[in-house]
Protein backbone atom coordinates (compact mmCIF):
# COMPACT_ATOMS: atom_id res chain seq x y z
CA MET A 1 9.17 -32.11 -16.25
CA ASP A 2 7.77 -30.30 -18.98
CA SER A 3 7.22 -27.27 -17.20
CA ASN A 4 4.73 -24.94 -18.45
CA THR A 5 3.49 -22.11 -15.69
CA ALA A 6 5.89 -19.72 -13.69
CA LEU A 7 5.72 -21.38 -10.89
CA GLU A 8 6.16 -24.87 -12.24
CA LYS A 9 9.63 -23.03 -13.12
CA LEU A 10 10.01 -21.86 -9.95
CA ALA A 11 9.59 -25.62 -8.17
CA GLN A 12 12.19 -27.22 -11.01
CA LEU A 13 14.73 -23.96 -9.91
CA ALA A 14 14.01 -24.57 -6.64
CA CYS A 15 14.29 -28.02 -6.73
CA ALA A 16 18.10 -27.78 -8.43
CA ILE A 17 19.32 -26.55 -5.63
CA ASP A 18 21.81 -29.26 -4.11
CA TYR A 19 23.94 -29.42 -0.84
CA ASP A 20 27.30 -30.83 -2.95
CA GLN A 21 27.40 -27.51 -5.41
CA LEU A 22 27.08 -24.94 -2.36
CA PRO A 23 30.03 -22.76 -1.79
CA LYS A 24 31.44 -23.08 1.31
CA GLU A 25 30.75 -19.52 2.52
CA LEU A 26 27.28 -20.14 1.91
CA VAL A 27 27.38 -23.31 4.09
CA ALA A 28 28.83 -21.45 6.96
CA ARG A 29 26.35 -18.66 6.47
CA ALA A 30 23.87 -20.59 6.32
CA LYS A 31 24.76 -22.06 10.17
CA ASP A 32 25.41 -18.34 11.07
CA LEU A 33 21.87 -17.38 10.47
CA LEU A 34 20.20 -20.65 12.12
CA ILE A 35 22.15 -19.97 15.16
CA ASP A 36 20.80 -16.27 15.00
CA THR A 37 17.76 -17.40 14.40
CA VAL A 38 17.55 -19.95 17.40
CA ALA A 39 18.83 -16.99 19.85
CA CYS A 40 16.08 -14.82 18.82
CA ALA A 41 13.64 -17.24 19.50
CA TYR A 42 15.19 -17.88 23.17
CA GLY A 43 15.20 -14.03 23.47
CA ALA A 44 11.49 -14.28 23.98
CA PHE A 45 11.19 -16.93 26.34
CA ASN A 46 9.95 -14.91 28.65
CA SER A 47 7.06 -12.71 26.80
CA SER A 48 4.01 -12.77 27.32
CA LEU A 49 3.33 -13.53 23.47
CA ARG A 50 5.24 -17.27 24.41
CA GLU A 51 2.43 -17.85 26.90
CA GLY A 52 -0.28 -17.30 25.08
CA LEU A 53 1.21 -19.68 22.50
CA VAL A 54 1.55 -21.98 25.28
CA GLU A 55 -1.71 -21.82 25.65
CA LEU A 56 -2.83 -22.13 22.30
CA VAL A 57 -0.85 -24.73 21.70
CA HIS A 58 -2.12 -26.97 24.43
CA SER A 59 -5.61 -26.21 23.70
CA VAL A 60 -5.23 -27.11 19.77
CA GLY A 61 -3.25 -30.01 20.42
CA GLY A 62 -1.40 -31.80 17.70
CA ASN A 63 0.92 -35.18 16.79
CA PRO A 64 4.15 -34.44 18.87
CA GLN A 65 6.85 -33.97 16.01
CA ALA A 66 8.57 -31.09 16.28
CA THR A 67 10.18 -29.51 19.09
CA LEU A 68 8.90 -26.31 21.00
CA ILE A 69 12.01 -24.08 21.35
CA GLY A 70 13.21 -23.60 25.01
CA VAL A 71 9.81 -25.48 26.31
CA GLY A 72 10.95 -28.91 25.20
CA GLU A 73 7.37 -30.09 24.51
CA SER A 74 6.39 -31.49 20.73
CA THR A 75 3.45 -30.65 18.67
CA SER A 76 2.88 -30.87 15.25
CA ALA A 77 4.93 -29.56 12.86
CA PRO A 78 2.63 -26.31 11.74
CA LEU A 79 1.43 -25.32 15.22
CA ALA A 80 5.55 -25.68 15.67
CA THR A 81 6.40 -23.24 13.16
CA LEU A 82 3.66 -20.77 14.48
CA PHE A 83 5.24 -21.28 17.84
CA ASN A 84 8.66 -21.08 16.95
CA GLY A 85 8.16 -18.64 14.01
CA SER A 86 6.61 -15.68 16.62
CA LEU A 87 9.29 -16.42 18.83
CA ILE A 88 11.82 -15.66 15.93
CA ARG A 89 10.32 -12.62 15.37
CA TYR A 90 9.21 -11.14 18.85
CA LEU A 91 11.95 -9.29 19.42
CA ASP A 92 12.27 -8.02 16.17
CA CYS A 93 16.56 -8.96 16.18
CA ASN A 94 16.53 -12.07 13.41
CA ASP A 95 18.00 -11.28 10.09
CA TYR A 96 16.53 -8.72 7.46
CA TYR A 97 17.00 -8.02 3.63
CA PHE A 98 16.29 -4.85 1.12
CA GLY A 99 15.07 -5.16 -1.93
CA LYS A 100 11.67 -3.65 -3.65
CA ASP A 101 10.20 -4.68 -0.42
CA PRO A 102 11.95 -5.71 3.00
CA GLY A 103 11.95 -9.59 4.26
CA HIS A 104 12.75 -11.53 7.29
CA PRO A 105 13.79 -14.53 5.69
CA SER A 106 14.37 -16.36 8.69
CA GLY A 107 11.00 -17.10 9.73
CA ASN A 108 11.99 -20.36 7.30
CA PHE A 109 14.05 -21.64 9.85
CA ALA A 110 10.49 -22.43 11.42
CA VAL A 111 8.98 -24.19 8.92
CA GLY A 112 12.82 -25.95 8.05
CA LEU A 113 13.28 -27.25 12.13
CA ALA A 114 9.99 -28.26 12.20
CA VAL A 115 9.31 -30.11 8.93
CA GLY A 116 12.71 -31.37 9.09
CA GLN A 117 12.38 -32.75 12.30
CA ARG A 118 8.68 -34.51 11.49
CA GLU A 119 11.13 -36.14 8.27
CA GLN A 120 13.63 -36.79 10.01
CA VAL A 121 16.25 -35.25 7.28
CA SER A 122 20.03 -35.04 7.77
CA GLY A 123 21.83 -31.49 8.76
CA GLN A 124 22.95 -31.50 4.54
CA GLU A 125 19.09 -31.67 3.35
CA PHE A 126 18.04 -29.02 6.05
CA ILE A 127 20.48 -26.33 4.94
CA ALA A 128 20.54 -26.69 1.11
CA ALA A 129 16.60 -26.85 1.62
CA MET A 130 17.19 -23.54 3.91
CA VAL A 131 19.64 -22.22 1.02
CA MET A 132 16.44 -22.50 -1.12
CA ALA A 133 13.25 -21.17 0.40
CA TYR A 134 15.61 -17.54 1.25
CA GLU A 135 16.34 -17.68 -2.56
CA ILE A 136 12.57 -18.13 -3.17
CA GLN A 137 11.63 -15.36 -1.13
CA LEU A 138 14.31 -12.45 -1.71
CA ARG A 139 14.02 -12.95 -6.04
CA LEU A 140 10.45 -11.98 -5.29
CA CYS A 141 11.36 -9.10 -2.78
CA ASP A 142 13.50 -8.44 -5.75
CA TRP A 143 11.67 -8.42 -8.25
CA ALA A 144 7.46 -8.32 -7.16
CA GLY A 145 5.89 -5.61 -7.10
CA ASN A 146 4.87 -2.35 -8.61
CA PRO A 147 6.10 0.01 -7.00
CA SER A 148 6.64 -2.79 -4.06
CA LEU A 149 3.73 -4.88 -2.25
CA TRP A 150 4.11 -2.87 0.88
CA LYS A 151 3.42 0.42 -1.03
CA ARG A 152 0.34 -1.55 -2.60
CA GLY A 153 -0.96 -2.70 1.17
CA TRP A 154 0.79 -6.22 1.20
CA HIS A 155 3.02 -7.10 4.02
CA HIS A 156 6.54 -8.23 2.48
CA SER A 157 5.54 -11.88 4.93
CA THR A 158 2.87 -12.33 1.75
CA ASN A 159 6.34 -13.52 -0.11
CA ALA A 160 6.72 -16.06 2.42
CA ALA A 161 4.21 -17.58 1.23
CA PHE A 162 5.96 -18.93 -1.42
CA SER A 163 9.25 -20.04 0.11
CA SER A 164 7.45 -21.52 3.26
CA ALA A 165 5.20 -23.66 1.38
CA ALA A 166 8.10 -25.03 -1.00
CA LEU A 167 10.41 -25.53 2.04
CA ALA A 168 8.21 -27.70 3.58
CA ALA A 169 7.68 -29.92 -0.15
CA ARG A 170 11.60 -30.00 0.04
CA LEU A 171 12.04 -31.32 2.95
CA SER A 172 8.41 -34.00 2.80
CA LYS A 173 10.50 -35.28 -0.15
CA MET A 174 8.36 -33.98 -2.81
CA GLY A 175 9.14 -33.48 -6.27
CA ALA A 176 9.15 -30.12 -8.49
CA ILE A 177 5.24 -30.17 -9.66
CA GLN A 178 4.04 -30.81 -6.39
CA MET A 179 6.01 -28.11 -4.93
CA ALA A 180 4.25 -26.09 -7.02
CA HIS A 181 0.81 -27.02 -6.02
CA ALA A 182 2.01 -26.18 -2.85
CA MET A 183 2.88 -22.98 -3.49
CA ALA A 184 0.16 -22.28 -5.73
CA ILE A 185 -2.00 -23.68 -2.58
CA ALA A 186 0.11 -21.35 0.25
CA ALA A 187 -0.04 -18.05 -2.06
CA SER A 188 -3.91 -18.59 -2.49
CA HIS A 189 -4.28 -17.94 0.79
CA GLN A 190 -1.49 -15.79 2.88
CA ASN A 191 -1.73 -12.40 1.31
CA THR A 192 -1.19 -10.26 4.70
CA LEU A 193 -2.21 -6.49 4.91
CA ALA A 194 0.73 -4.29 6.13
CA GLN A 195 -1.68 -2.82 8.72
CA LEU A 196 -0.63 -4.90 10.68
CA GLN A 197 2.69 -2.63 11.48
CA ASN A 198 1.57 0.66 11.20
CA GLY A 199 -0.35 2.71 13.73
CA GLY A 200 0.63 1.49 17.01
CA VAL A 201 1.99 -2.18 15.66
CA ALA A 202 -0.09 -4.66 17.97
CA ASN A 203 2.18 -7.48 19.60
CA MET A 204 0.68 -9.88 16.71
CA LYS A 205 3.10 -8.03 14.53
CA ALA A 206 5.04 -10.99 15.94
CA THR A 207 3.31 -13.87 14.12
CA ALA A 208 3.10 -12.25 10.68
CA GLU A 209 5.77 -14.46 9.01
CA ALA A 210 4.57 -17.73 10.86
CA TRP A 211 1.24 -17.39 10.83
CA VAL A 212 2.12 -17.13 6.95
CA ALA A 213 5.29 -20.18 7.19
CA LYS A 214 2.45 -22.79 9.18
CA ALA A 215 0.11 -22.08 6.32
CA GLY A 216 3.19 -22.75 4.21
CA VAL A 217 3.41 -26.06 5.84
CA GLU A 218 0.08 -27.20 5.12
CA ALA A 219 -0.36 -26.43 1.92
CA ALA A 220 2.49 -28.91 1.10
CA LEU A 221 0.99 -31.48 3.32
CA MET A 222 -2.41 -30.55 0.92
CA ALA A 223 -0.46 -30.69 -2.17
CA LYS A 224 0.94 -34.00 -0.88
CA ALA A 225 -2.33 -35.70 -0.13
CA GLY A 226 -3.27 -35.07 -3.72
CA ILE A 227 -4.38 -31.73 -3.25
CA THR A 228 -4.35 -29.25 -6.14
CA GLY A 229 -3.28 -25.51 -6.24
CA PRO A 230 -3.72 -23.23 -9.57
CA LEU A 231 -0.78 -23.60 -11.28
CA ASP A 232 -1.31 -20.60 -13.38
CA LEU A 233 -1.31 -18.64 -9.90
CA LEU A 234 1.39 -16.08 -10.69
CA GLU A 235 0.73 -15.08 -14.51
CA GLY A 236 -3.23 -16.00 -14.32
CA SER A 237 -5.73 -13.31 -15.18
CA ALA A 238 -6.78 -12.97 -11.82
CA GLY A 239 -3.99 -14.14 -10.61
CA TRP A 240 -1.09 -13.63 -8.04
CA ILE A 241 1.06 -10.27 -10.06
CA ARG A 242 -1.94 -8.76 -11.44
CA THR A 243 -3.84 -8.46 -8.25
CA VAL A 244 -1.16 -8.38 -5.45
CA ALA A 245 1.90 -7.73 -6.65
CA GLY A 246 0.98 -5.33 -9.62
CA GLU A 247 3.79 -6.48 -11.40
CA CYS A 248 6.82 -9.23 -11.42
CA GLN A 249 9.75 -9.60 -13.51
CA LEU A 250 9.61 -13.01 -14.04
CA GLY A 251 12.57 -13.47 -16.33
CA LYS A 252 14.88 -12.06 -13.19
CA LEU A 253 12.45 -13.90 -10.99
CA LEU A 254 13.24 -17.47 -13.10
CA SER A 255 16.43 -16.75 -13.98
CA PRO A 256 19.48 -19.69 -13.15
CA VAL A 257 21.55 -18.95 -9.94
CA GLU A 258 24.44 -17.16 -10.28
CA HIS A 259 24.86 -15.57 -6.74
CA TYR A 260 22.76 -17.03 -3.76
CA LEU A 261 20.91 -14.44 -2.13
CA MET A 262 21.31 -15.75 1.02
CA LEU A 263 24.66 -14.28 1.68
CA ASP A 264 22.88 -10.83 1.25
CA SER A 265 20.71 -11.19 4.42
CA ASN A 266 21.85 -8.74 7.34
CA LEU A 267 22.27 -9.61 10.80
CA LYS A 268 20.91 -7.29 13.47
CA PRO A 269 23.09 -6.17 16.60
CA TYR A 270 20.26 -4.47 18.04
CA PRO A 271 16.24 -5.61 18.24
CA ALA A 272 14.59 -2.93 16.03
CA VAL A 273 13.21 -2.76 13.36
CA ALA A 274 15.97 -2.94 10.42
CA THR A 275 15.69 0.47 8.85
CA THR A 276 16.99 1.58 12.45
CA MET A 277 20.44 -0.05 12.65
CA SER A 278 23.25 2.22 11.30
CA SER A 279 21.19 5.22 13.39
CA ILE A 280 21.38 2.94 16.11
CA ALA A 281 25.50 2.32 16.10
CA CYS A 282 25.76 6.18 15.57
CA ALA A 283 24.52 7.31 18.47
CA ILE A 284 26.12 4.63 20.01
CA ALA A 285 29.15 5.63 18.44
CA LEU A 286 28.24 9.28 19.52
CA HIS A 287 27.50 8.51 23.41
CA GLN A 288 31.38 6.50 23.64
CA ALA A 289 33.11 9.24 21.49
CA ALA A 290 31.96 12.88 23.30
CA GLN A 291 30.59 13.79 26.31
CA ILE A 292 27.56 14.79 25.53
CA ASN A 293 25.82 16.77 28.20
CA PHE A 294 21.85 15.95 27.09
CA ALA A 295 20.50 18.70 28.65
CA ASP A 296 22.04 21.23 26.62
CA ILE A 297 21.35 19.94 23.13
CA GLU A 298 19.89 22.09 20.71
CA LYS A 299 18.51 19.67 18.32
CA ILE A 300 19.14 16.08 16.69
CA THR A 301 19.14 15.45 13.11
CA ILE A 302 18.70 11.96 11.96
CA ARG A 303 20.21 11.34 8.40
CA LEU A 304 18.59 8.67 6.16
CA PRO A 305 18.18 7.16 3.19
CA SER A 306 14.87 8.69 1.33
CA PHE A 307 13.23 5.16 1.08
CA VAL A 308 13.35 4.61 4.94
CA LEU A 309 12.08 8.53 5.24
CA GLY A 310 8.70 6.44 3.71
CA THR A 311 8.44 3.89 6.17
CA PRO A 312 6.22 3.44 9.23
CA ALA A 313 9.15 4.03 11.76
CA ALA A 314 9.57 7.80 9.88
CA GLY A 315 6.34 8.68 10.93
CA GLU A 316 5.60 11.21 13.40
CA ASP A 317 2.96 8.99 15.02
CA ARG A 318 5.85 7.32 15.72
CA ARG A 319 7.78 9.84 18.05
CA TYR A 320 6.19 9.23 21.31
CA PRO A 321 5.64 5.60 21.29
CA LYS A 322 3.74 3.74 23.77
CA SER A 323 4.18 -0.12 23.49
CA LEU A 324 7.69 -2.37 22.80
CA GLU A 325 6.32 -2.89 19.05
CA ALA A 326 6.08 0.57 18.56
CA ALA A 327 9.54 2.06 20.44
CA GLN A 328 11.20 -0.59 18.13
CA HIS A 329 9.72 0.46 15.38
CA SER A 330 10.38 4.07 15.44
CA LEU A 331 13.09 5.99 14.66
CA TYR A 332 12.96 8.51 17.05
CA TYR A 333 13.06 6.16 20.05
CA CYS A 334 15.68 4.19 19.00
CA VAL A 335 18.68 6.92 18.31
CA VAL A 336 17.20 8.98 21.53
CA VAL A 337 17.36 5.83 23.62
CA ALA A 338 21.12 4.64 22.13
CA MET A 339 22.44 8.13 22.92
CA LEU A 340 21.65 8.35 25.90
CA ASP A 341 22.05 4.90 27.49
CA GLY A 342 25.44 3.69 25.13
CA VAL A 343 23.64 0.07 24.38
CA CYS A 344 20.57 -1.09 22.33
CA HIS A 345 18.90 -4.11 24.26
CA GLU A 346 15.88 -5.11 25.44
CA ALA A 347 16.55 -3.43 28.37
CA GLN A 348 16.12 -0.22 26.43
CA PHE A 349 12.58 -1.04 25.45
CA THR A 350 10.96 -1.64 28.97
CA ASN A 351 7.61 0.53 30.05
CA GLU A 352 9.84 2.73 32.71
CA LYS A 353 12.35 3.98 29.50
CA LEU A 354 8.63 4.81 27.38
CA CYS A 355 8.38 7.61 30.21
CA LEU A 356 11.07 8.78 31.35
CA PRO A 357 11.05 12.42 31.51
CA MET A 358 14.18 13.18 29.89
CA ILE A 359 13.66 10.63 26.76
CA GLU A 360 10.71 12.45 26.10
CA GLY A 361 12.20 15.79 26.11
CA LEU A 362 14.41 14.52 23.66
CA LEU A 363 12.52 13.32 21.57
CA THR A 364 10.84 16.65 20.99
CA LYS A 365 13.85 17.87 19.61
CA VAL A 366 14.90 15.04 17.10
CA GLN A 367 14.35 15.84 12.99
CA LEU A 368 14.99 12.94 10.39
CA LEU A 369 16.25 14.70 6.91
CA GLU A 370 17.17 12.71 3.18
CA ASP A 371 20.79 12.47 2.96
CA LYS A 372 21.14 12.15 -0.67
CA LEU A 373 24.87 9.71 -0.50
CA LEU A 374 22.97 7.62 1.56
CA THR A 375 20.12 7.22 -0.62
CA GLN A 376 22.37 7.04 -3.40
CA GLY A 377 24.07 3.88 -1.23
CA TRP A 378 20.39 2.39 -0.93
CA PRO A 379 19.98 -0.85 0.31
CA ALA A 380 22.90 -0.62 2.33
CA ALA A 381 20.57 1.20 4.70
CA GLY A 382 23.34 3.80 6.05
CA GLY A 383 22.24 6.30 8.47
CA GLY A 384 24.01 9.14 9.89
CA VAL A 385 23.18 11.59 13.48
CA ASP A 386 23.79 14.87 13.89
CA VAL A 387 23.65 16.41 17.66
CA MET A 388 23.48 20.27 17.62
CA MET A 389 24.47 22.00 21.34
CA LYS A 390 23.12 25.19 22.30
CA GLY A 391 26.51 26.25 22.73
CA GLY A 392 26.83 26.10 18.83
CA GLN A 393 28.96 22.57 19.08
CA LEU A 394 28.42 19.97 16.36
CA PHE A 395 28.66 15.79 16.87
CA THR A 396 28.09 13.71 13.66
CA LYS A 397 28.82 10.63 12.51
CA THR A 398 27.67 8.22 9.85
CA ILE A 399 27.51 4.91 9.03
CA THR A 400 26.84 3.41 5.34
CA HIS A 401 26.98 -0.25 5.89
CA PRO A 402 25.32 -1.12 9.29
CA PRO A 403 26.87 -3.62 11.00
CA GLY A 404 25.56 -7.02 10.50
CA HIS A 405 25.68 -5.70 6.69
CA PRO A 406 27.64 -8.52 4.70
CA ARG A 407 29.84 -5.01 3.98
CA ASN A 408 30.68 -4.79 7.61
CA PRO A 409 29.63 -8.55 9.20
CA LEU A 410 29.52 -9.28 12.95
CA SER A 411 32.57 -11.16 14.29
CA GLU A 412 32.01 -14.82 14.87
CA VAL A 413 32.98 -13.50 18.80
CA GLN A 414 29.21 -11.00 18.30
CA LEU A 415 27.21 -14.10 16.95
CA LEU A 416 28.46 -16.02 19.76
CA GLU A 417 27.95 -12.76 22.36
CA LYS A 418 24.43 -12.05 20.90
CA PHE A 419 23.91 -16.05 21.29
CA SER A 420 24.14 -16.39 24.64
CA ALA A 421 22.86 -13.39 26.01
CA TYR A 422 19.61 -14.82 24.30
CA VAL A 423 20.07 -18.18 25.05
CA ALA A 424 21.40 -18.77 28.37
CA PRO A 425 19.19 -16.95 30.76
CA VAL A 426 16.64 -20.07 29.85
CA LEU A 427 19.09 -22.98 29.44
CA GLY A 428 22.13 -21.56 31.48
CA LYS A 429 25.89 -21.43 30.40
CA ASP A 430 26.93 -25.47 29.81
CA ARG A 431 23.53 -26.62 27.30
CA THR A 432 23.89 -23.29 25.52
CA GLU A 433 27.49 -24.09 24.94
CA LYS A 434 26.61 -27.64 23.69
CA LEU A 435 23.71 -26.27 21.72
CA TYR A 436 25.89 -23.81 19.80
CA GLN A 437 28.42 -26.61 18.92
CA GLN A 438 25.83 -28.76 17.62
CA LEU A 439 24.06 -26.16 15.45
CA LYS A 440 27.96 -25.28 14.29
CA ILE A 441 28.44 -29.01 13.06
CA ILE A 442 24.53 -28.68 11.57
CA GLU A 443 26.14 -30.60 8.81
CA ASP A 444 27.31 -33.31 9.91
CA CYS A 445 23.93 -34.13 12.11
CA ASP A 446 22.30 -37.51 10.32
CA ASN A 447 18.61 -36.36 11.76
CA LEU A 448 17.48 -33.26 12.78
CA ASN A 449 15.63 -35.09 15.63
CA LEU A 450 18.90 -35.00 17.26
CA LEU A 451 18.59 -31.78 17.45
CA SER A 452 15.44 -31.82 20.07
CA PRO A 453 17.43 -32.52 23.52
CA TYR A 454 19.54 -29.53 23.26
CA LEU A 455 16.61 -27.22 22.08
CA ALA A 456 14.68 -28.21 25.27
């Protein structure tokens, strides 16, 4: 194919990713991410969001092409993508990445599972396509934006328009030119405002990537039906780079793959915003190592990279969160509750916890400061916590690479514990183990539809 536009070149690069060329450690990483992502979806099973989405699916209806995780019913691939993708994101415990912009690339798994089932692809086709989707989205996180999409007022799910459309196109057996059209259609429409994650944080935050991903599936269907998009969308005079990103290093975006970016995605041990992972781990470590009398605390200092201080989670309006979503996106609250309880799971984000006088009192004593060494280590997203007691005693802890970072990975035991904690309350112990084993050998699956009985 004679590639002229940047989108055509990106599609050609994406189509060249082949399962047989993937390193073993990358295949293992893809399976770990799949297992973690499915776990997060089950973790949202008893949420009001899930109930509302079931009502939506029943109202709209759709051809039975893909499974609703946990529910067992089937609906159209686009609706399944919206449903499953929203569950994946709800707990804020799915994977993350930091470049110029952050990203939660595991949202692509909602597309992969839905379209993969519709097209009855093999496990190997599925893994290669997921590697491709991660590569596209995370390259955009690294190389698009002046200074970043987020600082220009766009939510980072905007980048997922490209990856989700390309993923749906690939799994639908479309060639590079149709894939380019699918990306052009999706990215013409799916530019998302960052306000959805500012202020009080509405629970539609969980649908951000899922909504974009659903549209990516629909864009691929349009392209397959012969509908075309503006192939010069990236570099055009009124195109995405000029109007949305402000800047994009196309040379780096379109460079040959030398290191697969899926390997650099971070897993989350805690259901909270990504920038809190190290600080939460520090708070838990202090709880376990030091006998702190919380009534005698004079001051709590959270040390952070400079980037984190400029994020909504560090805003003064997050000091006293009033909702689950705001609490999960509050550095103040996450550190205080983790230090108080010695853990950080869903039980730490209940309405009862938010209103505890002890927590409210400690929140008044928190200050956020830049740690220049942690700034130098960015994007590792390190953190530190110092607790000054009224008598002058100081307790301190610093973690430069958060748990789940590639340089501080979660063990297989930790991954299984997280999976079991989220899935077993829905499926029971035996079926949880069977689902886990099926996901561990997904590369041997001849037809992704064979997963359906295990997901229900």
